[in-house]
Amino acid sequence: MSESADDNLPQFKVELAKVVPDFDFAKTEDIDLRKWLAARDNCVEGAVELFTKHLQFRKLHKLDEGFLENYTQPEVLKLYYPGGLCGHCKEGFVVKYEMPGKLDVKVCASHFFSIILTALCK
């Protein structure tokens, strides 16, 4: 019988603290940490590896340094995509609206592929 995420959670926290000593557990709830364990079938070593890769990704892309405040939409999305961000709710979450019926698929696709081709030719 496999162990549950509740049984492995204390061990996961200890191993994670060894690998990432500056991680603040006070900002993370146990239910979120259990999801990392569940993603690796309650294997503590696999969950620690996955979580550290996640933290490296966040650091690489500067997601904890005001990503949404500093994000600028590409011009093609501003001009041709019928939706976007319109602010924050009372709890601080981003409010996004979508109107997919008015999406100009041909224009968005052509700009998207031209951007990819330009990037590949560099």
PDB file of N, CA and C in Angstrom:
ATOM      1  N   MET A   1       0.849  -1.184   0.000  1.00  0.00           N
ATOM      2  CA  MET A   1       0.000   0.000   0.000  1.00  0.00           C
ATOM      3  C   MET A   1       0.891   1.242   0.000  1.00  0.00           C
ATOM      4  N   SER A   2       0.586   2.178  -0.856  1.00  0.00           N
ATOM      5  CA  SER A   2       1.419   3.377  -0.939  1.00  0.00           C
ATOM      6  C   SER A   2       1.070   4.362   0.182  1.00  0.00           C
ATOM      7  N   GLU A   3       2.062   5.124   0.529  1.00  0.00           N
ATOM      8  CA  GLU A   3       1.845   6.120   1.583  1.00  0.00           C
ATOM      9  C   GLU A   3       1.062   7.292   1.015  1.00  0.00           C
ATOM     10  N   SER A   4       0.340   7.966   1.877  1.00  0.00           N
ATOM     11  CA  SER A   4      -0.437   9.115   1.420  1.00  0.00           C
ATOM     12  C   SER A   4       0.413  10.376   1.502  1.00  0.00           C
ATOM     13  N   ALA A   5      -0.074  11.433   0.864  1.00  0.00           N
ATOM     14  CA  ALA A   5       0.628  12.713   0.879  1.00  0.00           C
ATOM     15  C   ALA A   5       0.709  13.274   2.289  1.00  0.00           C
ATOM     16  N   ASP A   6      -0.295  12.983   3.125  1.00  0.00           N
ATOM     17  CA  ASP A   6      -0.267  13.455   4.513  1.00  0.00           C
ATOM     18  C   ASP A   6       0.880  12.828   5.290  1.00  0.00           C
ATOM     19  N   ASP A   7       1.154  11.549   5.009  1.00  0.00           N
ATOM     20  CA  ASP A   7       2.246  10.860   5.697  1.00  0.00           C
ATOM     21  C   ASP A   7       3.613  11.383   5.252  1.00  0.00           C
ATOM     22  N   ASN A   8       3.728  11.732   3.973  1.00  0.00           N
ATOM     23  CA  ASN A   8       5.007  12.160   3.422  1.00  0.00           C
ATOM     24  C   ASN A   8       5.255  13.658   3.532  1.00  0.00           C
ATOM     25  N   LEU A   9       4.255  14.417   3.912  1.00  0.00           N
ATOM     26  CA  LEU A   9       4.395  15.874   3.938  1.00  0.00           C
ATOM     27  C   LEU A   9       5.501  16.362   4.873  1.00  0.00           C
ATOM     28  N   PRO A  10       5.599  15.876   6.110  1.00  0.00           N
ATOM     29  CA  PRO A  10       6.696  16.347   6.975  1.00  0.00           C
ATOM     30  C   PRO A  10       8.080  16.038   6.403  1.00  0.00           C
ATOM     31  N   GLN A  11       8.225  14.854   5.823  1.00  0.00           N
ATOM     32  CA  GLN A  11       9.504  14.487   5.218  1.00  0.00           C
ATOM     33  C   GLN A  11       9.796  15.369   4.002  1.00  0.00           C
ATOM     34  N   PHE A  12       8.761  15.675   3.232  1.00  0.00           N
ATOM     35  CA  PHE A  12       8.912  16.551   2.060  1.00  0.00           C
ATOM     36  C   PHE A  12       9.394  17.932   2.488  1.00  0.00           C
ATOM     37  N   LYS A  13       8.820  18.456   3.569  1.00  0.00           N
ATOM     38  CA  LYS A  13       9.241  19.769   4.066  1.00  0.00           C
ATOM     39  C   LYS A  13      10.694  19.752   4.530  1.00  0.00           C
ATOM     40  N   VAL A  14      11.098  18.686   5.202  1.00  0.00           N
ATOM     41  CA  VAL A  14      12.478  18.580   5.690  1.00  0.00           C
ATOM     42  C   VAL A  14      13.452  18.511   4.520  1.00  0.00           C
ATOM     43  N   GLU A  15      13.140  17.664   3.545  1.00  0.00           N
ATOM     44  CA  GLU A  15      14.024  17.526   2.377  1.00  0.00           C
ATOM     45  C   GLU A  15      14.066  18.806   1.564  1.00  0.00           C
ATOM     46  N   LEU A  16      12.938  19.467   1.453  1.00  0.00           N
ATOM     47  CA  LEU A  16      12.886  20.730   0.710  1.00  0.00           C
ATOM     48  C   LEU A  16      13.685  21.810   1.424  1.00  0.00           C
ATOM     49  N   ALA A  17      13.635  21.831   2.740  1.00  0.00           N
ATOM     50  CA  ALA A  17      14.409  22.812   3.513  1.00  0.00           C
ATOM     51  C   ALA A  17      15.910  22.576   3.351  1.00  0.00           C
ATOM     52  N   LYS A  18      16.317  21.324   3.151  1.00  0.00           N
ATOM     53  CA  LYS A  18      17.733  21.027   2.918  1.00  0.00           C
ATOM     54  C   LYS A  18      18.195  21.551   1.563  1.00  0.00           C
ATOM     55  N   VAL A  19      17.357  21.360   0.559  1.00  0.00           N
ATOM     56  CA  VAL A  19      17.719  21.742  -0.808  1.00  0.00           C
ATOM     57  C   VAL A  19      17.557  23.240  -1.040  1.00  0.00           C
ATOM     58  N   VAL A  20      16.480  23.816  -0.515  1.00  0.00           N
ATOM     59  CA  VAL A  20      16.180  25.245  -0.691  1.00  0.00           C
ATOM     60  C   VAL A  20      16.047  25.863   0.703  1.00  0.00           C
ATOM     61  N   PRO A  21      17.169  26.215   1.344  1.00  0.00           N
ATOM     62  CA  PRO A  21      17.089  26.690   2.736  1.00  0.00           C
ATOM     63  C   PRO A  21      16.383  28.035   2.908  1.00  0.00           C
ATOM     64  N   ASP A  22      16.341  28.852   1.868  1.00  0.00           N
ATOM     65  CA  ASP A  22      15.708  30.165   2.006  1.00  0.00           C
ATOM     66  C   ASP A  22      14.218  30.149   1.649  1.00  0.00           C
ATOM     67  N   PHE A  23      13.636  28.978   1.408  1.00  0.00           N
ATOM     68  CA  PHE A  23      12.221  28.891   1.068  1.00  0.00           C
ATOM     69  C   PHE A  23      11.371  29.197   2.293  1.00  0.00           C
ATOM     70  N   ASP A  24      10.364  30.042   2.111  1.00  0.00           N
ATOM     71  CA  ASP A  24       9.498  30.471   3.213  1.00  0.00           C
ATOM     72  C   ASP A  24       8.238  29.603   3.248  1.00  0.00           C
ATOM     73  N   PHE A  25       8.199  28.651   4.181  1.00  0.00           N
ATOM     74  CA  PHE A  25       7.048  27.763   4.304  1.00  0.00           C
ATOM     75  C   PHE A  25       5.825  28.484   4.852  1.00  0.00           C
ATOM     76  N   ALA A  26       6.014  29.624   5.468  1.00  0.00           N
ATOM     77  CA  ALA A  26       4.879  30.359   6.035  1.00  0.00           C
ATOM     78  C   ALA A  26       3.952  30.878   4.932  1.00  0.00           C
ATOM     79  N   LYS A  27       4.509  31.126   3.750  1.00  0.00           N
ATOM     80  CA  LYS A  27       3.700  31.648   2.639  1.00  0.00           C
ATOM     81  C   LYS A  27       3.014  30.546   1.839  1.00  0.00           C
ATOM     82  N   THR A  28       3.363  29.282   2.116  1.00  0.00           N
ATOM     83  CA  THR A  28       2.829  28.162   1.353  1.00  0.00           C
ATOM     84  C   THR A  28       1.985  27.273   2.260  1.00  0.00           C
ATOM     85  N   GLU A  29       0.800  26.955   1.815  1.00  0.00           N
ATOM     86  CA  GLU A  29      -0.077  26.107   2.600  1.00  0.00           C
ATOM     87  C   GLU A  29       0.218  24.634   2.318  1.00  0.00           C
ATOM     88  N   ASP A  30      -0.119  23.796   3.275  1.00  0.00           N
ATOM     89  CA  ASP A  30       0.144  22.367   3.149  1.00  0.00           C
ATOM     90  C   ASP A  30      -0.554  21.757   1.947  1.00  0.00           C
ATOM     91  N   ILE A  31      -1.749  22.235   1.632  1.00  0.00           N
ATOM     92  CA  ILE A  31      -2.479  21.660   0.500  1.00  0.00           C
ATOM     93  C   ILE A  31      -1.728  21.873  -0.812  1.00  0.00           C
ATOM     94  N   ASP A  32      -1.020  22.997  -0.928  1.00  0.00           N
ATOM     95  CA  ASP A  32      -0.229  23.246  -2.129  1.00  0.00           C
ATOM     96  C   ASP A  32       0.977  22.307  -2.193  1.00  0.00           C
ATOM     97  N   LEU A  33       1.594  22.065  -1.061  1.00  0.00           N
ATOM     98  CA  LEU A  33       2.731  21.146  -1.030  1.00  0.00           C
ATOM     99  C   LEU A  33       2.286  19.711  -1.294  1.00  0.00           C
ATOM    100  N   ARG A  34       1.090  19.342  -0.863  1.00  0.00           N
ATOM    101  CA  ARG A  34       0.573  18.000  -1.125  1.00  0.00           C
ATOM    102  C   ARG A  34       0.392  17.762  -2.622  1.00  0.00           C
ATOM    103  N   LYS A  35       0.094  18.818  -3.356  1.00  0.00           N
ATOM    104  CA  LYS A  35      -0.080  18.678  -4.813  1.00  0.00           C
ATOM    105  C   LYS A  35       1.222  18.269  -5.482  1.00  0.00           C
ATOM    106  N   TRP A  36       2.347  18.780  -4.978  1.00  0.00           N
ATOM    107  CA  TRP A  36       3.646  18.401  -5.539  1.00  0.00           C
ATOM    108  C   TRP A  36       3.920  16.925  -5.257  1.00  0.00           C
ATOM    109  N   LEU A  37       3.550  16.468  -4.079  1.00  0.00           N
ATOM    110  CA  LEU A  37       3.716  15.052  -3.754  1.00  0.00           C
ATOM    111  C   LEU A  37       2.807  14.178  -4.622  1.00  0.00           C
ATOM    112  N   ALA A  38       1.581  14.607  -4.793  1.00  0.00           N
ATOM    113  CA  ALA A  38       0.635  13.830  -5.594  1.00  0.00           C
ATOM    114  C   ALA A  38       1.086  13.742  -7.051  1.00  0.00           C
ATOM    115  N   ALA A  39       1.737  14.787  -7.547  1.00  0.00           N
ATOM    116  CA  ALA A  39       2.204  14.794  -8.928  1.00  0.00           C
ATOM    117  C   ALA A  39       3.290  13.753  -9.163  1.00  0.00           C
ATOM    118  N   ARG A  40       3.963  13.347  -8.094  1.00  0.00           N
ATOM    119  CA  ARG A  40       5.019  12.332  -8.194  1.00  0.00           C
ATOM    120  C   ARG A  40       4.657  11.064  -7.411  1.00  0.00           C
ATOM    121  N   ASP A  41       3.376  10.763  -7.335  1.00  0.00           N
ATOM    122  CA  ASP A  41       2.881   9.555  -6.659  1.00  0.00           C
ATOM    123  C   ASP A  41       3.432   9.431  -5.245  1.00  0.00           C
ATOM    124  N   ASN A  42       3.446  10.545  -4.529  1.00  0.00           N
ATOM    125  CA  ASN A  42       3.885  10.625  -3.132  1.00  0.00           C
ATOM    126  C   ASN A  42       5.349  10.237  -2.931  1.00  0.00           C
ATOM    127  N   CYS A  43       6.150  10.337  -3.978  1.00  0.00           N
ATOM    128  CA  CYS A  43       7.591  10.100  -3.884  1.00  0.00           C
ATOM    129  C   CYS A  43       8.252  11.415  -3.471  1.00  0.00           C
ATOM    130  N   VAL A  44       8.845  11.433  -2.298  1.00  0.00           N
ATOM    131  CA  VAL A  44       9.412  12.671  -1.746  1.00  0.00           C
ATOM    132  C   VAL A  44      10.556  13.186  -2.616  1.00  0.00           C
ATOM    133  N   GLU A  45      11.452  12.294  -3.041  1.00  0.00           N
ATOM    134  CA  GLU A  45      12.601  12.721  -3.850  1.00  0.00           C
ATOM    135  C   GLU A  45      12.152  13.337  -5.168  1.00  0.00           C
ATOM    136  N   GLY A  46      11.169  12.700  -5.827  1.00  0.00           N
ATOM    137  CA  GLY A  46      10.650  13.232  -7.083  1.00  0.00           C
ATOM    138  C   GLY A  46       9.949  14.569  -6.897  1.00  0.00           C
ATOM    139  N   ALA A  47       9.206  14.706  -5.801  1.00  0.00           N
ATOM    140  CA  ALA A  47       8.499  15.958  -5.527  1.00  0.00           C
ATOM    141  C   ALA A  47       9.480  17.087  -5.232  1.00  0.00           C
ATOM    142  N   VAL A  48      10.556  16.780  -4.506  1.00  0.00           N
ATOM    143  CA  VAL A  48      11.570  17.808  -4.208  1.00  0.00           C
ATOM    144  C   VAL A  48      12.241  18.254  -5.499  1.00  0.00           C
ATOM    145  N   GLU A  49      12.569  17.295  -6.367  1.00  0.00           N
ATOM    146  CA  GLU A  49      13.201  17.635  -7.650  1.00  0.00           C
ATOM    147  C   GLU A  49      12.275  18.497  -8.501  1.00  0.00           C
ATOM    148  N   LEU A  50      11.012  18.118  -8.576  1.00  0.00           N
ATOM    149  CA  LEU A  50      10.034  18.873  -9.364  1.00  0.00           C
ATOM    150  C   LEU A  50       9.839  20.277  -8.805  1.00  0.00           C
ATOM    151  N   PHE A  51       9.762  20.392  -7.486  1.00  0.00           N
ATOM    152  CA  PHE A  51       9.543  21.686  -6.860  1.00  0.00           C
ATOM    153  C   PHE A  51      10.753  22.604  -7.052  1.00  0.00           C
ATOM    154  N   THR A  52      11.960  22.064  -6.956  1.00  0.00           N
ATOM    155  CA  THR A  52      13.150  22.904  -7.164  1.00  0.00           C
ATOM    156  C   THR A  52      13.246  23.364  -8.617  1.00  0.00           C
ATOM    157  N   LYS A  53      12.842  22.508  -9.553  1.00  0.00           N
ATOM    158  CA  LYS A  53      12.801  22.934 -10.964  1.00  0.00           C
ATOM    159  C   LYS A  53      11.790  24.055 -11.152  1.00  0.00           C
ATOM    160  N   HIS A  54      10.678  23.952 -10.456  1.00  0.00           N
ATOM    161  CA  HIS A  54       9.650  24.995 -10.503  1.00  0.00           C
ATOM    162  C   HIS A  54      10.205  26.321  -9.979  1.00  0.00           C
ATOM    163  N   LEU A  55      10.914  26.270  -8.867  1.00  0.00           N
ATOM    164  CA  LEU A  55      11.509  27.496  -8.309  1.00  0.00           C
ATOM    165  C   LEU A  55      12.559  28.082  -9.237  1.00  0.00           C
ATOM    166  N   GLN A  56      13.342  27.220  -9.895  1.00  0.00           N
ATOM    167  CA  GLN A  56      14.335  27.704 -10.859  1.00  0.00           C
ATOM    168  C   GLN A  56      13.655  28.391 -12.039  1.00  0.00           C
ATOM    169  N   PHE A  57      12.553  27.825 -12.510  1.00  0.00           N
ATOM    170  CA  PHE A  57      11.793  28.428 -13.608  1.00  0.00           C
ATOM    171  C   PHE A  57      11.270  29.806 -13.206  1.00  0.00           C
ATOM    172  N   ARG A  58      10.713  29.894 -11.997  1.00  0.00           N
ATOM    173  CA  ARG A  58      10.188  31.177 -11.508  1.00  0.00           C
ATOM    174  C   ARG A  58      11.293  32.218 -11.412  1.00  0.00           C
ATOM    175  N   LYS A  59      12.473  31.795 -10.973  1.00  0.00           N
ATOM    176  CA  LYS A  59      13.601  32.716 -10.845  1.00  0.00           C
ATOM    177  C   LYS A  59      14.110  33.138 -12.222  1.00  0.00           C
ATOM    178  N   LEU A  60      14.215  32.188 -13.145  1.00  0.00           N
ATOM    179  CA  LEU A  60      14.698  32.469 -14.495  1.00  0.00           C
ATOM    180  C   LEU A  60      13.819  33.490 -15.207  1.00  0.00           C
ATOM    181  N   HIS A  61      12.515  33.343 -15.062  1.00  0.00           N
ATOM    182  CA  HIS A  61      11.569  34.225 -15.754  1.00  0.00           C
ATOM    183  C   HIS A  61      11.097  35.387 -14.885  1.00  0.00           C
ATOM    184  N   LYS A  62      11.702  35.550 -13.729  1.00  0.00           N
ATOM    185  CA  LYS A  62      11.440  36.667 -12.812  1.00  0.00           C
ATOM    186  C   LYS A  62       9.950  36.810 -12.488  1.00  0.00           C
ATOM    187  N   LEU A  63       9.313  35.684 -12.195  1.00  0.00           N
ATOM    188  CA  LEU A  63       7.878  35.704 -11.913  1.00  0.00           C
ATOM    189  C   LEU A  63       7.553  36.274 -10.538  1.00  0.00           C
ATOM    190  N   ASP A  64       8.515  36.281  -9.636  1.00  0.00           N
ATOM    191  CA  ASP A  64       8.268  36.808  -8.297  1.00  0.00           C
ATOM    192  C   ASP A  64       8.659  38.275  -8.174  1.00  0.00           C
ATOM    193  N   GLU A  65       9.087  38.871  -9.254  1.00  0.00           N
ATOM    194  CA  GLU A  65       9.553  40.258  -9.219  1.00  0.00           C
ATOM    195  C   GLU A  65       8.578  41.194  -9.923  1.00  0.00           C
ATOM    196  N   GLY A  66       7.310  41.035  -9.655  1.00  0.00           N
ATOM    197  CA  GLY A  66       6.312  41.926 -10.234  1.00  0.00           C
ATOM    198  C   GLY A  66       6.062  41.655 -11.699  1.00  0.00           C
ATOM    199  N   PHE A  67       5.962  40.394 -12.070  1.00  0.00           N
ATOM    200  CA  PHE A  67       5.776  40.017 -13.471  1.00  0.00           C
ATOM    201  C   PHE A  67       4.549  40.684 -14.089  1.00  0.00           C
ATOM    202  N   LEU A  68       3.415  40.604 -13.405  1.00  0.00           N
ATOM    203  CA  LEU A  68       2.189  41.154 -13.984  1.00  0.00           C
ATOM    204  C   LEU A  68       2.217  42.677 -14.047  1.00  0.00           C
ATOM    205  N   GLU A  69       2.897  43.307 -13.103  1.00  0.00           N
ATOM    206  CA  GLU A  69       2.971  44.766 -13.125  1.00  0.00           C
ATOM    207  C   GLU A  69       3.871  45.254 -14.259  1.00  0.00           C
ATOM    208  N   ASN A  70       4.880  44.474 -14.626  1.00  0.00           N
ATOM    209  CA  ASN A  70       5.844  44.877 -15.651  1.00  0.00           C
ATOM    210  C   ASN A  70       5.558  44.281 -17.021  1.00  0.00           C
ATOM    211  N   TYR A  71       4.542  43.449 -17.130  1.00  0.00           N
ATOM    212  CA  TYR A  71       4.239  42.770 -18.387  1.00  0.00           C
ATOM    213  C   TYR A  71       3.632  43.739 -19.388  1.00  0.00           C
ATOM    214  N   THR A  72       4.116  43.674 -20.616  1.00  0.00           N
ATOM    215  CA  THR A  72       3.503  44.439 -21.705  1.00  0.00           C
ATOM    216  C   THR A  72       3.068  43.451 -22.778  1.00  0.00           C
ATOM    217  N   GLN A  73       1.845  43.616 -23.233  1.00  0.00           N
ATOM    218  CA  GLN A  73       1.313  42.722 -24.250  1.00  0.00           C
ATOM    219  C   GLN A  73       1.996  42.976 -25.580  1.00  0.00           C
ATOM    220  N   PRO A  74       2.212  41.920 -26.369  1.00  0.00           N
ATOM    221  CA  PRO A  74       2.712  42.119 -27.728  1.00  0.00           C
ATOM    222  C   PRO A  74       1.706  42.928 -28.549  1.00  0.00           C
ATOM    223  N   GLU A  75       2.215  43.657 -29.518  1.00  0.00           N
ATOM    224  CA  GLU A  75       1.369  44.563 -30.302  1.00  0.00           C
ATOM    225  C   GLU A  75       0.230  43.838 -31.013  1.00  0.00           C
ATOM    226  N   VAL A  76       0.498  42.628 -31.531  1.00  0.00           N
ATOM    227  CA  VAL A  76      -0.539  41.897 -32.246  1.00  0.00           C
ATOM    228  C   VAL A  76      -1.707  41.572 -31.320  1.00  0.00           C
ATOM    229  N   LEU A  77      -1.432  41.279 -30.048  1.00  0.00           N
ATOM    230  CA  LEU A  77      -2.521  41.006 -29.118  1.00  0.00           C
ATOM    231  C   LEU A  77      -3.287  42.273 -28.786  1.00  0.00           C
ATOM    232  N   LYS A  78      -2.581  43.385 -28.654  1.00  0.00           N
ATOM    233  CA  LYS A  78      -3.271  44.650 -28.376  1.00  0.00           C
ATOM    234  C   LYS A  78      -4.210  45.021 -29.507  1.00  0.00           C
ATOM    235  N   LEU A  79      -3.770  44.796 -30.749  1.00  0.00           N
ATOM    236  CA  LEU A  79      -4.547  45.236 -31.902  1.00  0.00           C
ATOM    237  C   LEU A  79      -5.657  44.270 -32.302  1.00  0.00           C
ATOM    238  N   TYR A  80      -5.406  42.963 -32.206  1.00  0.00           N
ATOM    239  CA  TYR A  80      -6.327  42.016 -32.814  1.00  0.00           C
ATOM    240  C   TYR A  80      -6.964  41.019 -31.853  1.00  0.00           C
ATOM    241  N   TYR A  81      -6.585  41.001 -30.610  1.00  0.00           N
ATOM    242  CA  TYR A  81      -7.170  40.032 -29.681  1.00  0.00           C
ATOM    243  C   TYR A  81      -8.260  40.700 -28.859  1.00  0.00           C
ATOM    244  N   PRO A  82      -9.491  40.181 -28.929  1.00  0.00           N
ATOM    245  CA  PRO A  82     -10.615  40.831 -28.266  1.00  0.00           C
ATOM    246  C   PRO A  82     -10.761  40.446 -26.797  1.00  0.00           C
ATOM    247  N   GLY A  83      -9.816  40.761 -26.015  1.00  0.00           N
ATOM    248  CA  GLY A  83      -9.868  40.462 -24.595  1.00  0.00           C
ATOM    249  C   GLY A  83      -8.620  41.034 -23.960  1.00  0.00           C
ATOM    250  N   GLY A  84      -8.466  40.799 -22.699  1.00  0.00           N
ATOM    251  CA  GLY A  84      -7.261  41.277 -22.049  1.00  0.00           C
ATOM    252  C   GLY A  84      -7.439  41.416 -20.557  1.00  0.00           C
ATOM    253  N   LEU A  85      -6.467  42.055 -19.958  1.00  0.00           N
ATOM    254  CA  LEU A  85      -6.490  42.286 -18.519  1.00  0.00           C
ATOM    255  C   LEU A  85      -7.154  43.634 -18.257  1.00  0.00           C
ATOM    256  N   CYS A  86      -8.005  43.663 -17.230  1.00  0.00           N
ATOM    257  CA  CYS A  86      -8.679  44.928 -16.957  1.00  0.00           C
ATOM    258  C   CYS A  86      -8.513  45.374 -15.512  1.00  0.00           C
ATOM    259  N   GLY A  87      -7.534  44.810 -14.817  1.00  0.00           N
ATOM    260  CA  GLY A  87      -7.281  45.265 -13.458  1.00  0.00           C
ATOM    261  C   GLY A  87      -7.185  44.122 -12.473  1.00  0.00           C
ATOM    262  N   HIS A  88      -7.428  44.441 -11.207  1.00  0.00           N
ATOM    263  CA  HIS A  88      -7.334  43.464 -10.126  1.00  0.00           C
ATOM    264  C   HIS A  88      -8.611  43.496  -9.294  1.00  0.00           C
ATOM    265  N   CYS A  89      -8.988  42.337  -8.747  1.00  0.00           N
ATOM    266  CA  CYS A  89     -10.151  42.269  -7.877  1.00  0.00           C
ATOM    267  C   CYS A  89      -9.756  42.665  -6.459  1.00  0.00           C
ATOM    268  N   LYS A  90     -10.711  42.633  -5.549  1.00  0.00           N
ATOM    269  CA  LYS A  90     -10.453  43.033  -4.161  1.00  0.00           C
ATOM    270  C   LYS A  90      -9.391  42.175  -3.491  1.00  0.00           C
ATOM    271  N   GLU A  91      -9.318  40.895  -3.875  1.00  0.00           N
ATOM    272  CA  GLU A  91      -8.345  39.984  -3.267  1.00  0.00           C
ATOM    273  C   GLU A  91      -6.969  40.095  -3.912  1.00  0.00           C
ATOM    274  N   GLY A  92      -6.845  40.899  -4.990  1.00  0.00           N
ATOM    275  CA  GLY A  92      -5.556  41.090  -5.644  1.00  0.00           C
ATOM    276  C   GLY A  92      -5.328  40.223  -6.867  1.00  0.00           C
ATOM    277  N   PHE A  93      -6.324  39.411  -7.244  1.00  0.00           N
ATOM    278  CA  PHE A  93      -6.166  38.570  -8.420  1.00  0.00           C
ATOM    279  C   PHE A  93      -6.412  39.381  -9.687  1.00  0.00           C
ATOM    280  N   VAL A  94      -5.771  38.974 -10.770  1.00  0.00           N
ATOM    281  CA  VAL A  94      -5.923  39.653 -12.053  1.00  0.00           C
ATOM    282  C   VAL A  94      -7.291  39.332 -12.633  1.00  0.00           C
ATOM    283  N   VAL A  95      -7.968  40.347 -13.145  1.00  0.00           N
ATOM    284  CA  VAL A  95      -9.262  40.157 -13.799  1.00  0.00           C
ATOM    285  C   VAL A  95      -9.019  40.214 -15.296  1.00  0.00           C
ATOM    286  N   LYS A  96      -9.443  39.142 -15.986  1.00  0.00           N
ATOM    287  CA  LYS A  96      -9.236  39.033 -17.422  1.00  0.00           C
ATOM    288  C   LYS A  96     -10.586  38.838 -18.085  1.00  0.00           C
ATOM    289  N   TYR A  97     -10.784  39.452 -19.216  1.00  0.00           N
ATOM    290  CA  TYR A  97     -12.031  39.258 -19.938  1.00  0.00           C
ATOM    291  C   TYR A  97     -11.717  38.694 -21.319  1.00  0.00           C
ATOM    292  N   GLU A  98     -12.643  37.904 -21.841  1.00  0.00           N
ATOM    293  CA  GLU A  98     -12.474  37.240 -23.128  1.00  0.00           C
ATOM    294  C   GLU A  98     -13.735  37.412 -23.959  1.00  0.00           C
ATOM    295  N   MET A  99     -13.546  37.660 -25.242  1.00  0.00           N
ATOM    296  CA  MET A  99     -14.652  37.705 -26.195  1.00  0.00           C
ATOM    297  C   MET A  99     -14.222  36.919 -27.432  1.00  0.00           C
ATOM    298  N   PRO A 100     -14.168  35.588 -27.349  1.00  0.00           N
ATOM    299  CA  PRO A 100     -13.599  34.797 -28.440  1.00  0.00           C
ATOM    300  C   PRO A 100     -14.370  34.870 -29.748  1.00  0.00           C
ATOM    301  N   GLY A 101     -15.614  35.269 -29.721  1.00  0.00           N
ATOM    302  CA  GLY A 101     -16.386  35.376 -30.955  1.00  0.00           C
ATOM    303  C   GLY A 101     -15.889  36.469 -31.879  1.00  0.00           C
ATOM    304  N   LYS A 102     -15.139  37.421 -31.369  1.00  0.00           N
ATOM    305  CA  LYS A 102     -14.648  38.524 -32.181  1.00  0.00           C
ATOM    306  C   LYS A 102     -13.153  38.395 -32.495  1.00  0.00           C
ATOM    307  N   LEU A 103     -12.573  37.220 -32.252  1.00  0.00           N
ATOM    308  CA  LEU A 103     -11.153  36.990 -32.487  1.00  0.00           C
ATOM    309  C   LEU A 103     -10.870  36.902 -33.981  1.00  0.00           C
ATOM    310  N   ASP A 104      -9.887  37.649 -34.448  1.00  0.00           N
ATOM    311  CA  ASP A 104      -9.452  37.597 -35.841  1.00  0.00           C
ATOM    312  C   ASP A 104      -8.326  36.565 -35.933  1.00  0.00           C
ATOM    313  N   VAL A 105      -8.707  35.316 -36.170  1.00  0.00           N
ATOM    314  CA  VAL A 105      -7.780  34.194 -36.129  1.00  0.00           C
ATOM    315  C   VAL A 105      -6.718  34.305 -37.216  1.00  0.00           C
ATOM    316  N   LYS A 106      -7.107  34.699 -38.426  1.00  0.00           N
ATOM    317  CA  LYS A 106      -6.146  34.766 -39.533  1.00  0.00           C
ATOM    318  C   LYS A 106      -5.041  35.765 -39.237  1.00  0.00           C
ATOM    319  N   VAL A 107      -5.395  36.932 -38.759  1.00  0.00           N
ATOM    320  CA  VAL A 107      -4.394  37.961 -38.485  1.00  0.00           C
ATOM    321  C   VAL A 107      -3.488  37.532 -37.339  1.00  0.00           C
ATOM    322  N   CYS A 108      -4.071  37.017 -36.253  1.00  0.00           N
ATOM    323  CA  CYS A 108      -3.263  36.569 -35.111  1.00  0.00           C
ATOM    324  C   CYS A 108      -2.319  35.446 -35.524  1.00  0.00           C
ATOM    325  N   ALA A 109      -2.815  34.487 -36.308  1.00  0.00           N
ATOM    326  CA  ALA A 109      -1.976  33.366 -36.729  1.00  0.00           C
ATOM    327  C   ALA A 109      -0.852  33.838 -37.641  1.00  0.00           C
ATOM    328  N   SER A 110      -1.152  34.731 -38.579  1.00  0.00           N
ATOM    329  CA  SER A 110      -0.106  35.193 -39.495  1.00  0.00           C
ATOM    330  C   SER A 110       0.974  35.967 -38.743  1.00  0.00           C
ATOM    331  N   HIS A 111       0.587  36.813 -37.798  1.00  0.00           N
ATOM    332  CA  HIS A 111       1.580  37.537 -37.002  1.00  0.00           C
ATOM    333  C   HIS A 111       2.371  36.580 -36.115  1.00  0.00           C
ATOM    334  N   PHE A 112       1.702  35.599 -35.557  1.00  0.00           N
ATOM    335  CA  PHE A 112       2.360  34.627 -34.692  1.00  0.00           C
ATOM    336  C   PHE A 112       3.426  33.855 -35.466  1.00  0.00           C
ATOM    337  N   PHE A 113       3.068  33.365 -36.661  1.00  0.00           N
ATOM    338  CA  PHE A 113       4.031  32.595 -37.442  1.00  0.00           C
ATOM    339  C   PHE A 113       5.163  33.468 -37.954  1.00  0.00           C
ATOM    340  N   SER A 114       4.885  34.728 -38.275  1.00  0.00           N
ATOM    341  CA  SER A 114       5.972  35.607 -38.719  1.00  0.00           C
ATOM    342  C   SER A 114       6.943  35.889 -37.573  1.00  0.00           C
ATOM    343  N   ILE A 115       6.431  35.994 -36.358  1.00  0.00           N
ATOM    344  CA  ILE A 115       7.306  36.202 -35.198  1.00  0.00           C
ATOM    345  C   ILE A 115       8.177  34.971 -34.980  1.00  0.00           C
ATOM    346  N   ILE A 116       7.594  33.785 -35.101  1.00  0.00           N
ATOM    347  CA  ILE A 116       8.361  32.552 -34.925  1.00  0.00           C
ATOM    348  C   ILE A 116       9.436  32.419 -36.004  1.00  0.00           C
ATOM    349  N   LEU A 117       9.085  32.682 -37.248  1.00  0.00           N
ATOM    350  CA  LEU A 117      10.054  32.586 -38.323  1.00  0.00           C
ATOM    351  C   LEU A 117      11.188  33.593 -38.143  1.00  0.00           C
ATOM    352  N   THR A 118      10.865  34.784 -37.701  1.00  0.00           N
ATOM    353  CA  THR A 118      11.888  35.788 -37.447  1.00  0.00           C
ATOM    354  C   THR A 118      12.840  35.335 -36.351  1.00  0.00           C
ATOM    355  N   ALA A 119      12.282  34.747 -35.304  1.00  0.00           N
ATOM    356  CA  ALA A 119      13.107  34.265 -34.195  1.00  0.00           C
ATOM    357  C   ALA A 119      13.992  33.106 -34.622  1.00  0.00           C
ATOM    358  N   LEU A 120      13.472  32.220 -35.484  1.00  0.00           N
ATOM    359  CA  LEU A 120      14.247  31.072 -35.932  1.00  0.00           C
ATOM    360  C   LEU A 120      15.365  31.471 -36.899  1.00  0.00           C
ATOM    361  N   CYS A 121      15.147  32.529 -37.653  1.00  0.00           N
ATOM    362  CA  CYS A 121      16.154  32.967 -38.632  1.00  0.00           C
ATOM    363  C   CYS A 121      17.320  33.705 -37.977  1.00  0.00           C
ATOM    364  N   LYS A 122      17.180  34.113 -36.736  1.00  0.00           N
ATOM    365  CA  LYS A 122      18.261  34.842 -36.069  1.00  0.00           C
ATOM    366  C   LYS A 122      19.394  33.939 -35.691  1.00  0.00           C
TER     367      LYS A 122
END
